[in-house]
């Protein structure tokens, strides 16, 4: 009897476990964070929640931070003009 109960718990318990869901990934056609600045030339600071890119004035070279290995990128958004 105990064996059957242990076997039942072994197979039923994982069904009730709370599994963390991964965050939604950006669509495959979403621009890369560095390319976002070329599309929106008036934006001076933008981010995809993993990297932050800046340029001092319109037309300057873009500089981006290094993303962490555990970061999940989102769709890039402008944070400053």
N, C-alpha and C. Protein backbone atom coordinates (compact mmCIF):
# COMPACT_ATOMS: atom_id res chain seq x y z
N UNK A 1 0.82 -1.20 0.00
CA UNK A 1 0.00 0.00 0.00
C UNK A 1 0.87 1.26 0.00
N UNK A 2 1.89 1.29 0.85
CA UNK A 2 2.77 2.45 0.91
C UNK A 2 3.52 2.65 -0.40
N UNK A 3 3.87 1.52 -1.03
CA UNK A 3 4.58 1.62 -2.31
C UNK A 3 3.70 2.30 -3.35
N UNK A 4 2.43 1.95 -3.38
CA UNK A 4 1.51 2.56 -4.34
C UNK A 4 1.33 4.05 -4.07
N UNK A 5 1.25 4.42 -2.81
CA UNK A 5 1.12 5.82 -2.45
C UNK A 5 2.36 6.62 -2.84
N UNK A 6 3.52 6.05 -2.58
CA UNK A 6 4.78 6.71 -2.96
C UNK A 6 4.87 6.85 -4.47
N UNK A 7 4.48 5.83 -5.19
CA UNK A 7 4.51 5.87 -6.65
C UNK A 7 3.53 6.92 -7.18
N UNK A 8 2.37 7.00 -6.58
CA UNK A 8 1.39 8.01 -6.98
C UNK A 8 1.91 9.42 -6.75
N UNK A 9 2.52 9.66 -5.60
CA UNK A 9 3.09 10.97 -5.30
C UNK A 9 4.24 11.32 -6.24
N UNK A 10 5.00 10.33 -6.64
CA UNK A 10 6.12 10.55 -7.53
C UNK A 10 5.65 11.09 -8.88
N UNK A 11 4.54 10.59 -9.37
CA UNK A 11 4.05 11.01 -10.68
C UNK A 11 3.09 12.19 -10.64
N UNK A 12 2.39 12.40 -9.54
CA UNK A 12 1.40 13.46 -9.44
C UNK A 12 2.02 14.77 -8.98
N UNK A 13 3.01 14.75 -8.11
CA UNK A 13 3.59 15.97 -7.55
C UNK A 13 4.12 16.93 -8.61
N UNK A 14 4.84 16.48 -9.63
CA UNK A 14 5.32 17.45 -10.64
C UNK A 14 4.20 18.17 -11.37
N UNK A 15 3.04 17.58 -11.45
CA UNK A 15 1.93 18.23 -12.14
C UNK A 15 1.44 19.46 -11.38
N UNK A 16 1.67 19.50 -10.08
CA UNK A 16 1.22 20.63 -9.27
C UNK A 16 2.33 21.63 -8.97
N UNK A 17 3.50 21.38 -9.44
CA UNK A 17 4.64 22.29 -9.19
C UNK A 17 4.45 23.59 -9.97
N UNK A 18 4.83 24.70 -9.33
CA UNK A 18 4.77 25.98 -10.01
C UNK A 18 6.05 26.17 -10.82
N UNK A 19 5.90 26.26 -12.11
CA UNK A 19 7.05 26.46 -12.97
C UNK A 19 7.10 27.92 -13.38
N UNK A 20 8.28 28.51 -13.29
CA UNK A 20 8.45 29.90 -13.71
C UNK A 20 8.39 29.96 -15.23
N UNK A 21 7.65 30.93 -15.73
CA UNK A 21 7.54 31.08 -17.18
C UNK A 21 8.59 32.07 -17.66
N UNK A 22 9.19 31.75 -18.77
CA UNK A 22 10.21 32.63 -19.36
C UNK A 22 9.52 33.87 -19.92
N UNK A 23 10.18 35.04 -19.84
CA UNK A 23 9.59 36.24 -20.42
C UNK A 23 9.48 36.13 -21.94
N UNK A 24 8.54 36.85 -22.48
CA UNK A 24 8.32 36.82 -23.93
C UNK A 24 9.52 37.42 -24.65
N UNK A 25 9.93 36.78 -25.71
CA UNK A 25 11.04 37.28 -26.52
C UNK A 25 10.53 38.30 -27.53
N UNK A 26 11.39 39.22 -27.95
CA UNK A 26 10.95 40.18 -28.97
C UNK A 26 10.71 39.45 -30.29
N UNK A 27 9.87 40.01 -31.14
CA UNK A 27 9.63 39.36 -32.42
C UNK A 27 10.92 39.26 -33.23
N UNK A 28 11.04 38.25 -34.10
CA UNK A 28 12.28 38.07 -34.84
C UNK A 28 12.64 39.24 -35.76
N UNK A 29 11.67 40.03 -36.15
CA UNK A 29 11.96 41.16 -37.02
C UNK A 29 12.29 42.44 -36.24
N UNK A 30 12.40 42.33 -34.91
CA UNK A 30 12.73 43.50 -34.08
C UNK A 30 14.17 43.91 -34.36
N UNK A 31 14.43 45.22 -34.43
CA UNK A 31 15.79 45.67 -34.73
C UNK A 31 16.74 45.40 -33.56
N UNK A 32 17.98 45.12 -33.89
CA UNK A 32 19.01 44.96 -32.86
C UNK A 32 19.20 46.31 -32.18
N UNK A 33 19.61 46.31 -30.94
CA UNK A 33 19.71 47.54 -30.17
C UNK A 33 20.66 48.55 -30.82
N UNK A 34 21.77 48.12 -31.39
CA UNK A 34 22.71 49.04 -32.02
C UNK A 34 22.13 49.61 -33.32
N UNK A 35 21.34 48.82 -34.04
CA UNK A 35 20.74 49.28 -35.30
C UNK A 35 19.58 50.24 -35.07
N UNK A 36 19.03 50.24 -33.86
CA UNK A 36 17.90 51.12 -33.56
C UNK A 36 18.27 52.58 -33.76
N UNK A 37 19.50 52.95 -33.40
CA UNK A 37 19.95 54.34 -33.54
C UNK A 37 20.01 54.79 -34.98
N UNK A 38 20.28 53.89 -35.90
CA UNK A 38 20.31 54.25 -37.33
C UNK A 38 18.89 54.50 -37.84
N UNK A 39 17.91 53.84 -37.26
CA UNK A 39 16.53 54.02 -37.69
C UNK A 39 15.93 55.30 -37.12
N UNK A 40 16.28 55.64 -35.89
CA UNK A 40 15.77 56.86 -35.24
C UNK A 40 16.96 57.77 -34.96
N UNK A 41 17.30 58.62 -35.90
CA UNK A 41 18.51 59.44 -35.80
C UNK A 41 18.38 60.57 -34.78
N UNK A 42 17.17 60.89 -34.33
CA UNK A 42 16.99 61.95 -33.34
C UNK A 42 17.16 61.44 -31.91
N UNK A 43 17.16 60.14 -31.72
CA UNK A 43 17.29 59.55 -30.39
C UNK A 43 18.76 59.55 -29.97
N UNK A 44 19.05 60.04 -28.77
CA UNK A 44 20.42 60.11 -28.27
C UNK A 44 20.73 59.01 -27.25
N UNK A 45 19.71 58.39 -26.68
CA UNK A 45 19.91 57.28 -25.73
C UNK A 45 18.76 56.30 -25.90
N UNK A 46 19.06 55.02 -26.04
CA UNK A 46 18.04 54.00 -26.20
C UNK A 46 18.50 52.72 -25.54
N UNK A 47 17.54 51.81 -25.29
CA UNK A 47 17.84 50.58 -24.56
C UNK A 47 16.88 49.47 -24.98
N UNK A 48 17.36 48.23 -24.81
CA UNK A 48 16.52 47.06 -25.02
C UNK A 48 16.37 46.27 -23.71
N UNK A 49 16.58 46.93 -22.58
CA UNK A 49 16.52 46.35 -21.23
C UNK A 49 17.74 45.50 -20.91
N UNK A 50 18.65 45.32 -21.85
CA UNK A 50 19.91 44.60 -21.60
C UNK A 50 21.10 45.51 -21.85
N UNK A 51 21.02 46.28 -22.90
CA UNK A 51 22.09 47.19 -23.27
C UNK A 51 21.55 48.60 -23.33
N UNK A 52 22.41 49.57 -23.06
CA UNK A 52 22.08 50.98 -23.22
C UNK A 52 23.04 51.53 -24.26
N UNK A 53 22.51 52.21 -25.26
CA UNK A 53 23.34 52.82 -26.29
C UNK A 53 23.16 54.33 -26.23
N UNK A 54 24.24 55.06 -26.46
CA UNK A 54 24.19 56.53 -26.45
C UNK A 54 25.02 57.09 -27.59
N UNK A 55 24.72 58.33 -27.92
CA UNK A 55 25.58 59.15 -28.77
C UNK A 55 25.41 60.58 -28.28
N UNK A 56 26.49 61.35 -28.32
CA UNK A 56 26.47 62.70 -27.74
C UNK A 56 25.62 63.67 -28.55
N UNK A 57 25.77 63.66 -29.84
CA UNK A 57 24.96 64.52 -30.70
C UNK A 57 24.52 63.72 -31.92
N UNK A 58 23.54 64.23 -32.59
CA UNK A 58 23.02 63.56 -33.78
C UNK A 58 24.14 63.41 -34.79
N UNK A 59 24.36 62.20 -35.29
CA UNK A 59 25.40 61.93 -36.27
C UNK A 59 26.68 61.40 -35.66
N UNK A 60 26.84 61.45 -34.33
CA UNK A 60 28.03 60.91 -33.66
C UNK A 60 28.03 59.38 -33.69
N UNK A 61 29.17 58.82 -33.35
CA UNK A 61 29.30 57.37 -33.28
C UNK A 61 28.51 56.84 -32.08
N UNK A 62 27.88 55.69 -32.26
CA UNK A 62 27.09 55.06 -31.22
C UNK A 62 27.98 54.22 -30.31
N UNK A 63 27.75 54.30 -29.01
CA UNK A 63 28.46 53.48 -28.03
C UNK A 63 27.43 52.72 -27.21
N UNK A 64 27.61 51.40 -27.12
CA UNK A 64 26.65 50.56 -26.40
C UNK A 64 27.36 49.81 -25.27
N UNK A 65 26.63 49.59 -24.18
CA UNK A 65 27.15 48.82 -23.06
C UNK A 65 27.17 47.34 -23.43
N UNK A 66 27.83 46.54 -22.61
CA UNK A 66 27.90 45.10 -22.81
C UNK A 66 26.75 44.44 -22.06
N UNK A 67 25.97 43.59 -22.73
CA UNK A 67 24.85 42.95 -22.02
C UNK A 67 25.35 41.85 -21.09
N UNK A 68 24.59 41.59 -20.05
CA UNK A 68 24.94 40.46 -19.18
C UNK A 68 24.49 39.17 -19.86
N UNK A 69 25.06 38.06 -19.44
CA UNK A 69 24.75 36.78 -20.10
C UNK A 69 23.35 36.27 -19.77
N UNK A 70 22.74 36.74 -18.71
CA UNK A 70 21.43 36.24 -18.31
C UNK A 70 20.29 37.18 -18.70
N UNK A 71 20.56 38.15 -19.53
CA UNK A 71 19.56 39.14 -19.88
C UNK A 71 18.71 38.68 -21.07
N UNK A 72 17.44 39.02 -21.04
CA UNK A 72 16.52 38.74 -22.13
C UNK A 72 16.15 40.08 -22.76
N UNK A 73 16.58 40.28 -23.98
CA UNK A 73 16.37 41.56 -24.66
C UNK A 73 14.90 41.76 -25.01
N UNK A 74 14.48 43.03 -24.93
CA UNK A 74 13.13 43.43 -25.34
C UNK A 74 13.26 44.28 -26.60
N UNK A 75 12.16 44.78 -27.08
CA UNK A 75 12.18 45.65 -28.24
C UNK A 75 12.83 46.98 -27.82
N UNK A 76 13.82 47.47 -28.58
CA UNK A 76 14.50 48.72 -28.19
C UNK A 76 13.54 49.91 -28.17
N UNK A 77 13.76 50.80 -27.17
CA UNK A 77 12.96 52.02 -27.05
C UNK A 77 13.88 53.21 -26.79
N UNK A 78 13.47 54.37 -27.27
CA UNK A 78 14.24 55.60 -27.06
C UNK A 78 14.01 56.08 -25.64
N UNK A 79 15.11 56.46 -24.94
CA UNK A 79 15.03 56.96 -23.57
C UNK A 79 15.43 58.41 -23.45
N UNK A 80 15.88 59.03 -24.54
CA UNK A 80 16.26 60.43 -24.47
C UNK A 80 16.55 61.01 -25.83
N UNK A 81 16.10 62.26 -26.04
CA UNK A 81 16.32 62.95 -27.32
C UNK A 81 17.15 64.18 -27.10
